[in-house]
Amino acid sequence: MSILELITGSMSCGKTEELLRRIHNEQKARKNVRIFKPVIDVCYSVSTASSHNRSEFPAISVGETRDIYKHLVPSVEVVGVAEVQFLDDKIIDFCLEQIAQGRKVIASGINLDFRGEPFHFRNSQRHIGDLMVYAVTQTLRARCVYQVKKYRSRKMINCDAEADYTQRLIDGKPAPYDSPTIMVGSKKPDSYKVEYEARCARHFERPKPLNVKKK
């Protein structure tokens, strides 16, 4: 059945895990599947789409949406796209084109950026919300990892509330509003440390736009 399925949510909510589960189910149904991912996604492997739980499936890395066409053959029935938010906005037209041709498209991606705003496609005013309009969407939630004191104890534990936001930390502090939308995490000793955390609404520290003054 030709349909666009989109799996969204914050970092560490299981988006890729769910994408791979669906892809494996399509494969069990003897469908010819192919997965693509942005070349920037090298978290675990260049040649596979991998989840935090280390589930994986062979994937083709692409720099732009147009590169996907080079690897599509008529026999492909199901197209998977991991980390869709890192691609250019032509991915919207691509997805609509594929379902019009009778293919199923299953994509996954972060819905909100580190500012708590819709995640914009690369160099575009269009964002992942513009793709959600055409999709059957499932939004997953992570667990907040902000450290809080355990009741009647000095021990620090994760908040563990449902998390919808992704907090970017640069050297342990929330990133400023004008930080680039796409910034790869790094813990190299010769550079500043960039990390990401899933946060609930209570503990998400929303960056202030540059034109907004603190009272």
C-alpha atoms as a PDB file:
ATOM      1  CA  MET A   1       0.000   0.000   0.000  1.00  0.00           C
ATOM      2  CA  SER A   2       1.381   3.420  -0.957  1.00  0.00           C
ATOM      3  CA  ILE A   3       1.585   5.535   2.184  1.00  0.00           C
ATOM      4  CA  LEU A   4       3.955   7.892   3.973  1.00  0.00           C
ATOM      5  CA  GLU A   5       4.680   6.907   7.570  1.00  0.00           C
ATOM      6  CA  LEU A   6       6.651   9.321   9.757  1.00  0.00           C
ATOM      7  CA  ILE A   7       8.125   8.538  13.167  1.00  0.00           C
ATOM      8  CA  THR A   8       9.105  11.631  15.160  1.00  0.00           C
ATOM      9  CA  GLY A   9      10.110  12.714  18.633  1.00  0.00           C
ATOM     10  CA  SER A  10      13.073  13.965  20.630  1.00  0.00           C
ATOM     11  CA  MET A  11      16.518  12.457  20.760  1.00  0.00           C
ATOM     12  CA  SER A  12      16.702   8.983  22.311  1.00  0.00           C
ATOM     13  CA  CYS A  13      12.980   8.259  22.040  1.00  0.00           C
ATOM     14  CA  GLY A  14      13.400   5.174  19.835  1.00  0.00           C
ATOM     15  CA  LYS A  15      12.674   6.647  16.395  1.00  0.00           C
ATOM     16  CA  THR A  16      15.293   4.637  14.522  1.00  0.00           C
ATOM     17  CA  GLU A  17      14.449   1.508  16.508  1.00  0.00           C
ATOM     18  CA  GLU A  18      10.817   1.825  15.394  1.00  0.00           C
ATOM     19  CA  LEU A  19      11.865   2.560  11.806  1.00  0.00           C
ATOM     20  CA  LEU A  20      13.993  -0.587  11.711  1.00  0.00           C
ATOM     21  CA  ARG A  21      11.217  -2.655  13.289  1.00  0.00           C
ATOM     22  CA  ARG A  22       8.842  -1.604  10.523  1.00  0.00           C
ATOM     23  CA  ILE A  23      11.456  -2.183   7.832  1.00  0.00           C
ATOM     24  CA  HIS A  24      12.135  -5.686   9.162  1.00  0.00           C
ATOM     25  CA  ASN A  25       8.389  -6.392   9.091  1.00  0.00           C
ATOM     26  CA  GLU A  26       8.229  -5.300   5.453  1.00  0.00           C
ATOM     27  CA  GLN A  27      11.168  -7.552   4.685  1.00  0.00           C
ATOM     28  CA  LYS A  28       9.428 -10.484   6.389  1.00  0.00           C
ATOM     29  CA  ALA A  29       6.472  -9.790   4.101  1.00  0.00           C
ATOM     30  CA  ARG A  30       8.918 -10.284   1.205  1.00  0.00           C
ATOM     31  CA  LYS A  31       8.939  -6.639   0.192  1.00  0.00           C
ATOM     32  CA  ASN A  32      11.992  -5.217  -1.543  1.00  0.00           C
ATOM     33  CA  VAL A  33      13.218  -2.520   0.843  1.00  0.00           C
ATOM     34  CA  ARG A  34      15.960   0.078   0.759  1.00  0.00           C
ATOM     35  CA  ILE A  35      17.044   2.491   3.516  1.00  0.00           C
ATOM     36  CA  PHE A  36      18.737   5.863   3.065  1.00  0.00           C
ATOM     37  CA  LYS A  37      20.268   8.209   5.592  1.00  0.00           C
ATOM     38  CA  PRO A  38      22.055  11.591   5.502  1.00  0.00           C
ATOM     39  CA  VAL A  39      25.819  11.388   5.143  1.00  0.00           C
ATOM     40  CA  ILE A  40      26.143  13.460   8.334  1.00  0.00           C
ATOM     41  CA  ASP A  41      24.712  10.556  10.344  1.00  0.00           C
ATOM     42  CA  VAL A  42      27.861   8.670  11.332  1.00  0.00           C
ATOM     43  CA  CYS A  43      26.981   8.082  14.988  1.00  0.00           C
ATOM     44  CA  TYR A  44      27.483   4.311  14.828  1.00  0.00           C
ATOM     45  CA  SER A  45      28.240   3.402  11.230  1.00  0.00           C
ATOM     46  CA  VAL A  46      28.534   4.903   7.761  1.00  0.00           C
ATOM     47  CA  SER A  47      26.928   1.915   6.050  1.00  0.00           C
ATOM     48  CA  THR A  48      24.008   1.122   8.372  1.00  0.00           C
ATOM     49  CA  ALA A  49      21.037   2.816   9.992  1.00  0.00           C
ATOM     50  CA  SER A  50      21.614   2.068  13.673  1.00  0.00           C
ATOM     51  CA  SER A  51      19.593   2.667  16.829  1.00  0.00           C
ATOM     52  CA  HIS A  52      20.864   3.403  20.343  1.00  0.00           C
ATOM     53  CA  ASN A  53      20.062  -0.227  21.150  1.00  0.00           C
ATOM     54  CA  ARG A  54      22.424  -1.195  18.312  1.00  0.00           C
ATOM     55  CA  SER A  55      19.735  -2.587  16.050  1.00  0.00           C
ATOM     56  CA  GLU A  56      20.892  -1.987  12.499  1.00  0.00           C
ATOM     57  CA  PHE A  57      20.055  -2.396   8.836  1.00  0.00           C
ATOM     58  CA  PRO A  58      22.192  -1.743   5.731  1.00  0.00           C
ATOM     59  CA  ALA A  59      21.705   1.847   4.569  1.00  0.00           C
ATOM     60  CA  ILE A  60      22.943   4.088   1.780  1.00  0.00           C
ATOM     61  CA  SER A  61      24.369   7.455   2.853  1.00  0.00           C
ATOM     62  CA  VAL A  62      23.320  10.434   0.727  1.00  0.00           C
ATOM     63  CA  GLY A  63      24.377  14.073   0.746  1.00  0.00           C
ATOM     64  CA  GLU A  64      21.187  15.428  -0.811  1.00  0.00           C
ATOM     65  CA  THR A  65      17.714  14.190  -1.637  1.00  0.00           C
ATOM     66  CA  ARG A  66      18.542  14.007  -5.343  1.00  0.00           C
ATOM     67  CA  ASP A  67      21.225  11.413  -4.574  1.00  0.00           C
ATOM     68  CA  ILE A  68      18.528   8.948  -3.526  1.00  0.00           C
ATOM     69  CA  TYR A  69      17.315   8.613  -7.108  1.00  0.00           C
ATOM     70  CA  LYS A  70      20.665   7.143  -8.159  1.00  0.00           C
ATOM     71  CA  HIS A  71      20.029   4.121  -5.946  1.00  0.00           C
ATOM     72  CA  LEU A  72      16.338   3.529  -6.640  1.00  0.00           C
ATOM     73  CA  VAL A  73      15.399   0.748  -9.023  1.00  0.00           C
ATOM     74  CA  PRO A  74      11.865  -0.160 -10.156  1.00  0.00           C
ATOM     75  CA  SER A  75      11.815  -3.271  -7.964  1.00  0.00           C
ATOM     76  CA  VAL A  76      12.081  -1.277  -4.710  1.00  0.00           C
ATOM     77  CA  GLU A  77       8.696  -1.334  -2.964  1.00  0.00           C
ATOM     78  CA  VAL A  78       9.478   0.255   0.407  1.00  0.00           C
ATOM     79  CA  VAL A  79      11.791   3.225   0.989  1.00  0.00           C
ATOM     80  CA  GLY A  80      13.138   3.990   4.461  1.00  0.00           C
ATOM     81  CA  VAL A  81      14.696   7.338   5.384  1.00  0.00           C
ATOM     82  CA  ALA A  82      16.463   7.726   8.732  1.00  0.00           C
ATOM     83  CA  GLU A  83      17.221  11.125  10.333  1.00  0.00           C
ATOM     84  CA  VAL A  84      15.142  12.842   7.680  1.00  0.00           C
ATOM     85  CA  GLN A  85      15.532  16.260   9.359  1.00  0.00           C
ATOM     86  CA  PHE A  86      19.162  16.472   8.186  1.00  0.00           C
ATOM     87  CA  LEU A  87      18.230  16.445   4.484  1.00  0.00           C
ATOM     88  CA  ASP A  88      17.176  19.341   2.238  1.00  0.00           C
ATOM     89  CA  ASP A  89      13.502  20.225   1.778  1.00  0.00           C
ATOM     90  CA  LYS A  90      13.313  18.371  -1.546  1.00  0.00           C
ATOM     91  CA  ILE A  91      12.707  15.282   0.598  1.00  0.00           C
ATOM     92  CA  ILE A  92       9.083  16.419   0.950  1.00  0.00           C
ATOM     93  CA  ASP A  93       8.504  16.315  -2.805  1.00  0.00           C
ATOM     94  CA  PHE A  94      10.440  13.048  -3.025  1.00  0.00           C
ATOM     95  CA  CYS A  95       8.195  11.341  -0.478  1.00  0.00           C
ATOM     96  CA  LEU A  96       5.019  12.533  -2.200  1.00  0.00           C
ATOM     97  CA  GLU A  97       6.370  11.420  -5.566  1.00  0.00           C
ATOM     98  CA  GLN A  98       7.195   7.942  -4.286  1.00  0.00           C
ATOM     99  CA  ILE A  99       3.776   7.281  -2.770  1.00  0.00           C
ATOM    100  CA  ALA A 100       2.182   8.568  -5.978  1.00  0.00           C
ATOM    101  CA  GLN A 101       4.163   5.855  -7.775  1.00  0.00           C
ATOM    102  CA  GLY A 102       2.798   3.204  -5.431  1.00  0.00           C
ATOM    103  CA  ARG A 103       5.672   2.868  -2.980  1.00  0.00           C
ATOM    104  CA  LYS A 104       5.526   2.956   0.798  1.00  0.00           C
ATOM    105  CA  VAL A 105       7.848   5.471   2.470  1.00  0.00           C
ATOM    106  CA  ILE A 106       8.809   5.115   6.134  1.00  0.00           C
ATOM    107  CA  ALA A 107      10.805   8.017   7.563  1.00  0.00           C
ATOM    108  CA  SER A 108      12.059   8.980  11.000  1.00  0.00           C
ATOM    109  CA  GLY A 109      13.375  12.245  12.394  1.00  0.00           C
ATOM    110  CA  ILE A 110      13.519  14.760  15.223  1.00  0.00           C
ATOM    111  CA  ASN A 111      10.504  17.071  15.220  1.00  0.00           C
ATOM    112  CA  LEU A 112      11.889  19.921  17.385  1.00  0.00           C
ATOM    113  CA  ASP A 113      15.390  21.403  17.276  1.00  0.00           C
ATOM    114  CA  PHE A 114      17.484  22.425  20.291  1.00  0.00           C
ATOM    115  CA  ARG A 115      15.523  25.709  20.469  1.00  0.00           C
ATOM    116  CA  GLY A 116      12.253  23.837  20.892  1.00  0.00           C
ATOM    117  CA  GLU A 117      11.143  24.976  17.420  1.00  0.00           C
ATOM    118  CA  PRO A 118      10.156  22.862  14.376  1.00  0.00           C
ATOM    119  CA  PHE A 119      13.297  21.316  12.894  1.00  0.00           C
ATOM    120  CA  HIS A 120      14.033  23.077   9.595  1.00  0.00           C
ATOM    121  CA  PHE A 121      15.402  21.171   6.659  1.00  0.00           C
ATOM    122  CA  ARG A 122      18.863  22.198   5.533  1.00  0.00           C
ATOM    123  CA  ASN A 123      19.045  25.777   4.184  1.00  0.00           C
ATOM    124  CA  SER A 124      15.261  26.076   4.034  1.00  0.00           C
ATOM    125  CA  GLN A 125      12.257  27.773   5.616  1.00  0.00           C
ATOM    126  CA  ARG A 126      10.393  24.481   5.360  1.00  0.00           C
ATOM    127  CA  HIS A 127      10.530  22.135   8.304  1.00  0.00           C
ATOM    128  CA  ILE A 128       9.587  18.616   9.341  1.00  0.00           C
ATOM    129  CA  GLY A 129       6.080  19.815  10.217  1.00  0.00           C
ATOM    130  CA  ASP A 130       5.519  20.398   6.498  1.00  0.00           C
ATOM    131  CA  LEU A 131       6.206  16.698   5.965  1.00  0.00           C
ATOM    132  CA  MET A 132       3.963  15.638   8.850  1.00  0.00           C
ATOM    133  CA  VAL A 133       0.970  17.163   7.043  1.00  0.00           C
ATOM    134  CA  TYR A 134       1.137  14.392   4.427  1.00  0.00           C
ATOM    135  CA  ALA A 135       2.059  11.522   6.734  1.00  0.00           C
ATOM    136  CA  VAL A 136       0.569   9.055   9.141  1.00  0.00           C
ATOM    137  CA  THR A 137       2.669  10.228  12.076  1.00  0.00           C
ATOM    138  CA  GLN A 138       3.673   8.519  15.293  1.00  0.00           C
ATOM    139  CA  THR A 139       5.335  10.758  17.883  1.00  0.00           C
ATOM    140  CA  LEU A 140       7.446   8.930  20.443  1.00  0.00           C
ATOM    141  CA  ARG A 141       8.661  10.260  23.796  1.00  0.00           C
ATOM    142  CA  ALA A 142      11.954   9.716  25.578  1.00  0.00           C
ATOM    143  CA  ARG A 143      12.687   9.935  29.309  1.00  0.00           C
ATOM    144  CA  CYS A 144      14.162  13.098  30.808  1.00  0.00           C
ATOM    145  CA  VAL A 145      17.762  12.612  31.949  1.00  0.00           C
ATOM    146  CA  TYR A 146      18.030  15.894  33.874  1.00  0.00           C
ATOM    147  CA  GLN A 147      19.586  15.186  37.259  1.00  0.00           C
ATOM    148  CA  VAL A 148      17.407  15.793  40.336  1.00  0.00           C
ATOM    149  CA  LYS A 149      17.835  14.929  43.997  1.00  0.00           C
ATOM    150  CA  LYS A 150      16.192  11.734  45.114  1.00  0.00           C
ATOM    151  CA  TYR A 151      13.521  12.295  47.759  1.00  0.00           C
ATOM    152  CA  ARG A 152      15.053  12.319  51.256  1.00  0.00           C
ATOM    153  CA  SER A 153      18.460  11.549  49.840  1.00  0.00           C
ATOM    154  CA  ARG A 154      21.545  13.320  48.527  1.00  0.00           C
ATOM    155  CA  LYS A 155      21.693  10.916  45.628  1.00  0.00           C
ATOM    156  CA  MET A 156      21.148  12.414  42.160  1.00  0.00           C
ATOM    157  CA  ILE A 157      18.911  10.520  39.753  1.00  0.00           C
ATOM    158  CA  ASN A 158      17.334  11.106  36.353  1.00  0.00           C
ATOM    159  CA  CYS A 159      14.081  13.068  36.376  1.00  0.00           C
ATOM    160  CA  ASP A 160      12.619  10.276  34.206  1.00  0.00           C
ATOM    161  CA  ALA A 161       9.509  12.235  33.184  1.00  0.00           C
ATOM    162  CA  GLU A 162       8.348  11.936  29.569  1.00  0.00           C
ATOM    163  CA  ALA A 163      10.600  14.061  27.378  1.00  0.00           C
ATOM    164  CA  ASP A 164       9.577  15.895  24.210  1.00  0.00           C
ATOM    165  CA  TYR A 165      12.614  18.160  23.890  1.00  0.00           C
ATOM    166  CA  THR A 166      16.268  17.835  22.916  1.00  0.00           C
ATOM    167  CA  GLN A 167      18.673  19.974  24.954  1.00  0.00           C
ATOM    168  CA  ARG A 168      21.991  20.864  23.338  1.00  0.00           C
ATOM    169  CA  LEU A 169      24.826  21.371  25.811  1.00  0.00           C
ATOM    170  CA  ILE A 170      28.123  23.017  24.904  1.00  0.00           C
ATOM    171  CA  ASP A 171      30.723  22.387  27.584  1.00  0.00           C
ATOM    172  CA  GLY A 172      27.878  21.505  29.930  1.00  0.00           C
ATOM    173  CA  LYS A 173      25.812  24.655  29.338  1.00  0.00           C
ATOM    174  CA  PRO A 174      22.668  25.120  27.176  1.00  0.00           C
ATOM    175  CA  ALA A 175      23.590  26.254  23.668  1.00  0.00           C
ATOM    176  CA  PRO A 176      22.736  29.868  22.722  1.00  0.00           C
ATOM    177  CA  TYR A 177      19.841  30.562  20.365  1.00  0.00           C
ATOM    178  CA  ASP A 178      22.107  31.536  17.465  1.00  0.00           C
ATOM    179  CA  SER A 179      23.997  28.239  17.582  1.00  0.00           C
ATOM    180  CA  PRO A 180      23.757  26.348  14.236  1.00  0.00           C
ATOM    181  CA  THR A 181      20.668  24.177  13.863  1.00  0.00           C
ATOM    182  CA  ILE A 182      22.837  21.195  12.923  1.00  0.00           C
ATOM    183  CA  MET A 183      25.835  20.591  15.150  1.00  0.00           C
ATOM    184  CA  VAL A 184      27.393  17.150  15.501  1.00  0.00           C
ATOM    185  CA  GLY A 185      28.053  15.978  19.041  1.00  0.00           C
ATOM    186  CA  SER A 186      31.725  15.792  20.009  1.00  0.00           C
ATOM    187  CA  LYS A 187      33.778  14.881  23.056  1.00  0.00           C
ATOM    188  CA  LYS A 188      37.214  15.324  21.513  1.00  0.00           C
ATOM    189  CA  PRO A 189      39.757  16.644  24.019  1.00  0.00           C
ATOM    190  CA  ASP A 190      41.027  19.310  21.595  1.00  0.00           C
ATOM    191  CA  SER A 191      37.591  20.915  21.077  1.00  0.00           C
ATOM    192  CA  TYR A 192      34.578  22.073  23.048  1.00  0.00           C
ATOM    193  CA  LYS A 193      32.250  19.306  24.149  1.00  0.00           C
ATOM    194  CA  VAL A 194      28.860  19.119  22.442  1.00  0.00           C
ATOM    195  CA  GLU A 195      26.261  16.816  23.971  1.00  0.00           C
ATOM    196  CA  TYR A 196      22.526  16.257  23.643  1.00  0.00           C
ATOM    197  CA  GLU A 197      20.003  15.268  26.299  1.00  0.00           C
ATOM    198  CA  ALA A 198      16.328  14.376  26.239  1.00  0.00           C
ATOM    199  CA  ARG A 199      14.455  16.808  28.510  1.00  0.00           C
ATOM    200  CA  CYS A 200      10.894  17.157  29.771  1.00  0.00           C
ATOM    201  CA  ALA A 201       9.026  20.481  29.521  1.00  0.00           C
ATOM    202  CA  ARG A 202       9.916  21.343  33.128  1.00  0.00           C
ATOM    203  CA  HIS A 203      13.666  20.914  32.695  1.00  0.00           C
ATOM    204  CA  PHE A 204      14.102  22.028  29.099  1.00  0.00           C
ATOM    205  CA  GLU A 205      16.006  25.331  29.086  1.00  0.00           C
ATOM    206  CA  ARG A 206      14.710  27.177  26.036  1.00  0.00           C
ATOM    207  CA  PRO A 207      17.321  29.500  24.498  1.00  0.00           C
ATOM    208  CA  LYS A 208      16.314  33.156  24.314  1.00  0.00           C
ATOM    209  CA  PRO A 209      16.132  34.685  20.814  1.00  0.00           C
ATOM    210  CA  LEU A 210      18.782  37.366  20.330  1.00  0.00           C
ATOM    211  CA  ASN A 211      16.215  40.167  20.037  1.00  0.00           C
ATOM    212  CA  VAL A 212      14.533  39.286  23.339  1.00  0.00           C
ATOM    213  CA  LYS A 213      15.963  41.002  26.398  1.00  0.00           C
ATOM    214  CA  LYS A 214      15.868  39.445  29.824  1.00  0.00           C
ATOM    215  CA  LYS A 215      13.676  41.280  32.305  1.00  0.00           C
END
